[in-house]
Protein backbone atom coordinates (compact mmCIF):
# COMPACT_ATOMS: atom_id res chain seq x y z
CA MET A 1 154.66 98.24 135.80
CA PHE A 2 155.17 94.53 135.21
CA CYS A 3 153.12 91.60 133.91
CA VAL A 4 151.58 89.60 136.75
CA GLU A 5 151.65 86.52 134.51
CA CYS A 6 155.20 86.37 133.13
CA GLY A 7 156.88 89.14 135.13
CA ALA A 8 157.95 91.14 132.10
CA GLU A 9 158.79 94.77 132.91
CA ASP A 10 158.89 98.00 130.94
CA CYS A 11 156.22 96.75 128.46
CA GLU A 12 152.71 97.73 127.43
CA ILE A 13 150.33 96.49 130.12
CA VAL A 14 146.73 95.52 129.36
CA ASP A 15 144.59 94.66 132.40
CA SER A 16 147.74 93.83 134.50
CA LEU A 17 149.15 91.64 131.71
CA CYS A 18 151.62 92.24 128.92
CA ARG A 19 150.20 92.22 125.40
CA GLU A 20 151.38 88.69 124.74
CA CYS A 21 149.92 87.20 127.93
CA TYR A 22 146.69 89.15 127.62
CA ALA A 23 146.29 88.05 123.99
CA LYS A 24 146.86 84.39 124.87
CA LYS A 25 144.19 84.50 127.60
CA HIS A 26 141.56 86.93 126.34
CA VAL A 27 141.91 87.62 122.61
CA TRP A 28 140.82 84.91 120.23
CA ALA A 29 138.88 84.42 117.01
CA THR A 30 137.37 81.19 115.74
CA ILE A 31 135.50 80.06 112.64
CA PRO A 32 133.92 76.70 111.68
CA ASP A 33 136.09 74.38 109.59
CA HIS A 34 133.65 74.93 106.74
CA VAL A 35 131.04 77.52 105.75
CA ASP A 36 128.21 76.38 103.47
CA LEU A 37 126.76 78.81 100.94
CA THR A 38 123.45 77.67 99.44
CA ILE A 39 122.47 79.03 96.01
CA CYS A 40 118.94 78.75 94.62
CA ALA A 41 119.13 76.68 91.44
CA HIS A 42 116.24 78.63 89.90
CA CYS A 43 116.82 82.33 90.65
CA SER A 44 120.48 82.38 91.88
CA HIS A 45 119.55 84.05 95.18
CA VAL A 46 121.89 83.13 98.03
CA GLU A 47 120.93 82.10 101.56
CA ILE A 48 122.74 84.42 103.96
CA GLU A 49 122.05 84.29 107.70
CA GLY A 50 118.81 82.39 107.13
CA ARG A 51 117.48 84.79 104.49
CA TRP A 52 117.53 84.51 100.69
CA LYS A 53 119.11 87.54 99.07
CA ALA A 54 120.14 88.74 95.62
CA VAL A 55 123.88 89.35 95.46
CA ASP A 56 125.96 91.47 93.11
CA SER A 57 128.81 88.93 93.06
CA MET A 58 129.52 85.48 94.43
CA LYS A 59 132.86 86.74 95.75
CA GLY A 60 131.05 89.29 97.89
CA ALA A 61 128.57 86.63 99.04
CA MET A 62 131.41 84.32 100.09
CA GLU A 63 133.17 87.10 101.98
CA SER A 64 129.93 88.03 103.80
CA ALA A 65 129.28 84.39 104.73
CA VAL A 66 132.82 83.97 106.06
CA ILE A 67 132.75 87.18 108.09
CA GLY A 68 129.33 86.29 109.49
CA SER A 69 130.72 82.98 110.78
CA ILE A 70 133.55 84.48 112.85
CA SER A 71 133.27 84.27 116.66
CA ILE A 72 135.20 86.64 118.99
CA PRO A 73 135.16 87.34 122.75
CA PRO A 74 132.15 89.37 123.96
CA ASP A 75 134.37 92.21 125.22
CA SER A 76 136.27 92.50 121.92
CA LYS A 77 135.40 94.40 118.79
CA LEU A 78 136.11 93.45 115.17
CA VAL A 79 138.03 96.40 113.73
CA ASP A 80 139.08 95.08 110.33
CA THR A 81 138.62 91.90 108.29
CA ARG A 82 140.51 90.86 105.14
CA VAL A 83 139.36 87.74 103.30
CA THR A 84 141.52 86.08 100.67
CA LEU A 85 139.82 83.39 98.56
CA ARG A 86 141.51 80.60 96.66
CA GLU A 87 139.57 78.23 94.42
CA ASN A 88 140.11 74.53 95.03
CA ASP A 89 137.39 73.60 92.54
CA PRO A 90 134.18 75.32 91.29
CA ARG A 91 132.31 74.32 94.49
CA ASN A 92 135.02 74.71 97.11
CA PHE A 93 137.09 77.76 98.06
CA LEU A 94 139.75 78.13 100.75
CA ALA A 95 139.22 81.36 102.71
CA GLN A 96 142.19 82.88 104.56
CA VAL A 97 140.96 85.51 107.02
CA ASP A 98 143.20 88.18 108.60
CA ILE A 99 141.41 90.15 111.29
CA THR A 100 142.14 92.99 113.66
CA LEU A 101 140.51 92.87 117.10
CA SER A 102 140.21 95.69 119.61
CA SER A 103 140.15 94.84 123.32
CA ARG A 104 140.71 97.12 126.33
CA GLY A 105 141.95 99.87 124.03
CA ALA A 106 144.55 97.75 122.27
CA ASN A 107 144.52 96.17 118.79
CA PHE A 108 145.48 92.57 118.11
CA GLU A 109 146.03 90.65 114.86
CA ARG A 110 144.71 87.16 114.27
CA ALA A 111 144.68 84.79 111.27
CA ILE A 112 142.13 82.02 110.75
CA SER A 113 140.93 79.98 107.78
CA THR A 114 137.94 77.95 106.61
CA LEU A 115 136.53 76.18 103.58
CA VAL A 116 133.61 77.74 101.70
CA ARG A 117 131.39 75.08 100.13
CA PHE A 118 128.75 75.82 97.48
CA LYS A 119 125.48 73.90 97.63
CA ARG A 120 122.45 73.92 95.34
CA GLY A 121 118.97 74.38 96.78
CA ALA A 122 115.66 76.12 96.22
CA CYS A 123 114.59 79.33 97.95
CA ASN A 124 111.18 79.55 99.58
CA GLU A 125 109.59 81.52 96.76
CA CYS A 126 110.95 79.31 93.97
CA SER A 127 109.82 76.25 95.91
CA LYS A 128 106.33 77.72 95.93
CA LYS A 129 106.47 78.50 92.23
CA MET A 130 107.71 75.04 91.36
CA GLY A 131 104.90 73.60 93.46
CA ASN A 132 102.28 75.83 91.74
CA TYR A 133 101.52 77.53 95.06
CA PHE A 134 98.58 79.95 94.98
CA GLU A 135 96.19 81.78 97.29
CA ALA A 136 93.92 83.25 94.60
CA ILE A 137 92.62 82.40 91.12
CA LEU A 138 91.69 85.03 88.57
CA GLN A 139 89.24 83.45 86.13
CA VAL A 140 88.91 85.48 82.92
CA ARG A 141 86.09 84.40 80.64
CA GLY A 142 84.61 85.55 77.35
CA THR A 143 80.95 85.72 76.41
CA GLY A 144 80.73 82.32 74.73
CA LYS A 145 82.13 78.85 75.21
CA SER A 146 85.55 79.98 74.01
CA MET A 147 87.63 83.14 73.85
CA ASP A 148 89.10 84.15 70.50
CA ASP A 149 92.87 83.97 70.18
CA GLU A 150 93.37 87.72 69.81
CA MET A 151 91.53 88.58 73.01
CA GLU A 152 93.16 85.69 74.87
CA GLN A 153 96.64 86.88 73.95
CA GLU A 154 95.81 90.49 74.78
CA LEU A 155 94.43 89.57 78.21
CA ASN A 156 97.33 87.25 78.95
CA THR A 157 99.75 90.11 78.27
CA PHE A 158 97.62 92.59 80.25
CA VAL A 159 97.45 90.43 83.39
CA THR A 160 101.12 89.41 83.40
CA GLU A 161 102.31 92.98 82.79
CA ARG A 162 100.09 94.31 85.58
CA MET A 163 101.53 91.69 87.91
CA LYS A 164 105.07 92.74 87.03
CA SER A 165 104.29 96.37 87.82
CA MET A 166 102.76 95.43 91.21
CA LYS A 167 105.49 92.95 92.10
CA GLY A 168 108.38 95.39 92.25
CA ASN A 169 111.01 93.79 94.51
CA SER A 170 108.51 91.59 96.35
CA ARG A 171 109.58 88.02 95.67
CA ASP A 172 106.46 86.59 97.30
CA LEU A 173 104.23 88.06 94.58
CA PHE A 174 104.05 85.94 91.44
CA ILE A 175 101.77 84.06 89.05
CA SER A 176 102.58 80.39 89.55
CA LYS A 177 100.51 79.03 86.67
CA ILE A 178 98.38 80.11 83.69
CA GLU A 179 95.85 77.61 82.35
CA ARG A 180 93.75 77.67 79.19
CA VAL A 181 90.31 76.41 80.13
CA LYS A 182 86.93 76.25 78.47
CA GLY A 183 85.81 79.82 77.90
CA GLY A 184 89.03 81.60 78.81
CA LEU A 185 92.08 81.66 81.09
CA ASP A 186 92.84 80.92 84.74
CA PHE A 187 95.69 82.82 86.47
CA TYR A 188 97.01 81.42 89.75
CA PHE A 189 98.30 84.20 92.04
CA SER A 190 100.52 83.73 95.08
CA LYS A 191 98.56 86.42 96.98
CA PRO A 192 94.92 87.58 96.72
CA GLN A 193 95.42 91.36 96.56
CA PRO A 194 97.16 91.55 93.15
CA ALA A 195 94.51 89.24 91.67
CA ARG A 196 91.75 91.43 93.07
CA ASN A 197 93.44 94.61 91.79
CA VAL A 198 93.64 93.22 88.25
CA ALA A 199 90.03 92.01 88.39
CA ARG A 200 88.78 95.41 89.56
CA GLU A 201 90.78 97.19 86.86
CA LEU A 202 89.20 94.99 84.19
CA GLN A 203 85.79 95.76 85.66
CA ASP A 204 86.46 99.51 85.73
CA THR A 205 88.12 99.87 82.33
CA ARG A 206 86.72 97.02 80.20
CA CYS A 207 83.10 96.84 81.40
CA ALA A 208 83.79 93.33 82.68
CA GLU A 209 81.36 91.52 84.97
CA TYR A 210 82.97 90.95 88.39
CA LYS A 211 82.32 88.28 91.03
CA GLU A 212 84.37 86.98 93.94
CA SER A 213 84.14 84.04 96.32
CA SER A 214 86.31 82.30 98.91
CA SER A 215 86.85 78.76 100.13
CA MET A 216 88.55 77.33 103.20
CA TRP A 217 92.05 76.13 102.36
CA GLY A 218 93.86 75.31 105.61
CA MET A 219 95.47 76.66 108.78
CA ARG A 220 98.49 78.92 109.19
CA GLU A 221 99.85 79.76 112.64
CA GLY A 222 96.56 78.71 114.18
CA GLU A 223 94.39 80.83 111.87
CA GLU A 224 92.13 79.75 109.01
CA VAL A 225 93.43 80.56 105.53
CA SER A 226 91.08 80.98 102.57
CA ARG A 227 91.70 80.85 98.85
CA MET A 228 89.99 83.56 96.81
CA THR A 229 88.43 83.21 93.37
CA TYR A 230 87.81 86.29 91.22
CA LEU A 231 85.63 85.77 88.15
CA ILE A 232 85.82 88.29 85.33
CA ARG A 233 83.53 87.94 82.32
CA MET A 234 84.62 90.09 79.40
CA PRO A 235 81.96 91.71 77.18
CA GLY A 236 83.38 90.24 73.96
CA PHE A 237 84.62 93.54 72.51
CA ASP A 238 87.13 96.22 73.43
CA LYS A 239 88.02 99.85 72.93
CA GLY A 240 88.41 100.64 69.22
CA ASP A 241 86.10 97.82 68.07
CA ILE A 242 82.89 98.29 66.09
CA ILE A 243 79.72 96.90 67.65
CA GLU A 244 76.14 96.68 66.44
CA TYR A 245 73.25 97.60 68.73
CA ASP A 246 69.62 98.39 67.94
CA SER A 247 70.29 98.25 64.17
CA LYS A 248 73.10 100.80 64.40
CA ASP A 249 76.87 100.51 64.24
CA TYR A 250 78.94 102.11 67.00
CA PHE A 251 82.64 102.82 67.36
CA VAL A 252 83.70 101.93 70.94
CA ARG A 253 85.52 105.08 72.00
CA SER A 254 85.99 104.14 75.66
CA MET A 255 84.72 101.76 78.32
CA SER A 256 84.10 102.21 82.02
CA LYS A 257 82.37 100.35 84.81
CA GLY A 258 78.90 99.47 83.55
CA SER A 259 78.98 101.64 80.42
CA VAL A 260 80.28 101.69 76.86
CA HIS A 261 80.86 105.09 75.29
CA GLY A 262 80.00 104.59 71.62
CA ILE A 263 79.92 106.85 68.59
CA ASP A 264 77.15 106.33 66.02
CA LEU A 265 79.05 105.70 62.79
CA LYS A 266 76.31 107.18 60.62
CA GLN A 267 75.54 110.32 62.62
CA GLY A 268 78.81 110.88 64.49
CA ASP A 269 77.14 111.59 67.84
CA SER A 270 78.32 109.99 71.08
CA ARG A 271 76.04 107.87 73.26
CA PRO A 272 76.50 105.88 76.50
CA LEU A 273 75.40 102.24 76.14
CA LYS A 274 74.58 100.46 79.39
CA MET A 275 76.19 97.08 79.97
CA LYS A 276 72.87 95.70 81.19
CA GLU A 277 71.99 95.70 77.48
CA ALA A 278 75.22 93.87 76.58
CA SER A 279 73.37 90.73 75.58
CA ASP A 280 72.02 92.75 72.64
CA PHE A 281 75.48 93.96 71.53
CA ARG A 282 77.03 92.29 68.50
CA LEU A 283 80.70 92.54 67.57
CA SER A 284 80.97 93.69 63.97
CA VAL A 285 84.65 94.50 63.38
CA ARG A 286 87.67 94.20 65.64
CA ALA A 287 90.02 97.20 65.85
CA SER A 288 92.80 95.09 64.32
CA GLN A 289 90.62 94.42 61.26
CA ILE A 290 89.94 98.07 60.43
CA ARG A 291 91.63 99.01 57.12
CA SER A 292 93.06 102.28 55.86
CA ALA A 293 91.88 103.84 52.58
CA ILE A 294 93.43 106.56 50.40
CA VAL A 295 91.36 109.75 50.13
CA LEU A 296 90.61 110.78 46.53
CA ILE A 297 88.20 113.71 46.94
CA GLU A 298 86.70 115.46 49.96
CA THR A 299 83.88 118.00 50.19
CA ASP A 300 82.07 119.54 53.13
CA LYS A 301 79.68 116.60 53.56
CA GLU A 302 81.15 113.75 51.53
CA ILE A 303 84.42 111.98 50.97
CA GLN A 304 85.59 109.67 48.18
CA VAL A 305 88.07 106.93 49.09
CA LEU A 306 89.71 104.06 47.25
CA ASP A 307 88.45 100.70 48.54
CA PRO A 308 91.66 98.79 49.56
CA GLU A 309 90.00 95.46 48.73
CA THR A 310 88.35 96.15 45.36
CA MET A 311 90.32 99.26 44.33
CA ILE A 312 86.98 100.87 43.41
CA PRO A 313 86.21 104.48 44.48
CA LEU A 314 83.59 104.74 47.25
CA ASP A 315 81.51 107.88 47.84
CA LEU A 316 80.66 108.11 51.53
CA ARG A 317 78.93 110.57 53.80
CA LYS A 318 81.12 112.15 56.45
CA PRO A 319 79.84 111.88 60.06
CA VAL A 320 79.30 115.06 62.07
CA GLY A 321 82.60 116.40 63.40
CA PHE A 322 84.68 114.40 60.94
CA LEU A 323 88.41 115.20 61.07
CA ARG A 324 91.16 113.94 58.78
CA GLU A 325 94.85 114.44 59.60
CA GLY A 326 96.57 112.55 56.77
CA GLU A 327 96.10 111.32 53.23
CA GLN A 328 94.32 108.19 54.44
CA VAL A 329 91.32 107.45 56.62
CA ARG A 330 90.11 104.37 58.47
CA LEU A 331 87.46 102.49 56.56
CA VAL A 332 84.92 100.15 58.15
CA LYS A 333 82.62 97.69 56.41
CA THR A 334 79.80 96.03 58.36
CA ARG A 335 76.62 94.23 57.43
CA LEU A 336 74.76 97.53 57.95
CA GLY A 337 76.97 99.77 55.84
CA VAL A 338 80.36 101.27 54.98
CA TYR A 339 81.79 104.16 57.03
CA VAL A 340 84.83 106.36 57.46
CA LEU A 341 86.11 107.03 60.97
CA SER A 342 87.18 110.43 62.18
CA ASP A 343 90.81 110.74 63.32
CA SER A 344 89.49 112.53 66.40
CA TRP A 345 87.83 109.31 67.65
């Protein structure tokens, strides 16, 4: 066998050519003189092959970008790639690439090089965040013209934590803006479904009033796009608070859609209170304001505690089913009376 190109005999023949002649004609590898790597200035994601991705290391990102830029003949296969990086300056790296190609059953070595250039940019999701992009608004309101600071902070934490749990690895789910407005807070969501989920949870677990509406926003790929508004009106009290209704004080044991499950502080019996009567509810004591009192004496029906404010002993009637687990009990003072709370509530 001999090479039809150079006439060499007694050599390895590949498609009627010796290795050298075949390699010159059919085995090549090229790469652009520079490869740009764009990094998001806000989240450090890197744009790779048109998609923004989180990377474990910039070295790995550079190697992937370099390898992805290599061109080889259609009938060849990339067997091995070795990238050596040398820093020229913090934004420019020289990449020396040694590759092994397989063609017609034979392997060939090639060496190419390029310059990796770092550029700053903004990924699609960060661009939306920076531009306060939103497709839904969750409006959380209290019962009056303003929401007290404690409830505002609690709801802010609740909504943002729920969003984190729903977000997972989805970068397109985020709250772009939170605004304090008259009567409460406005949360601007990138997508409607998380906003709706949070609104429904507040309705189901906090007895909140729920309303939703939509408005035309624009067109996307030839279809109309609407922005959703979810209005949540909180009842003005929460689980663990003390409320007054029909001249009685109730401990709010739990809340569900349309109902408050209260315990009569004087009698100790449980009673469902319908939210349609919420306009008649009056917040007496927030859970955070309930004090602890040291127990001095306890009998079957009564208990004596030391008032933490006046340091005067108080003799109080125990509610039905009263249970005490420690040396102290929770003490509540309202305009209707003074009560001890069972540890079972």
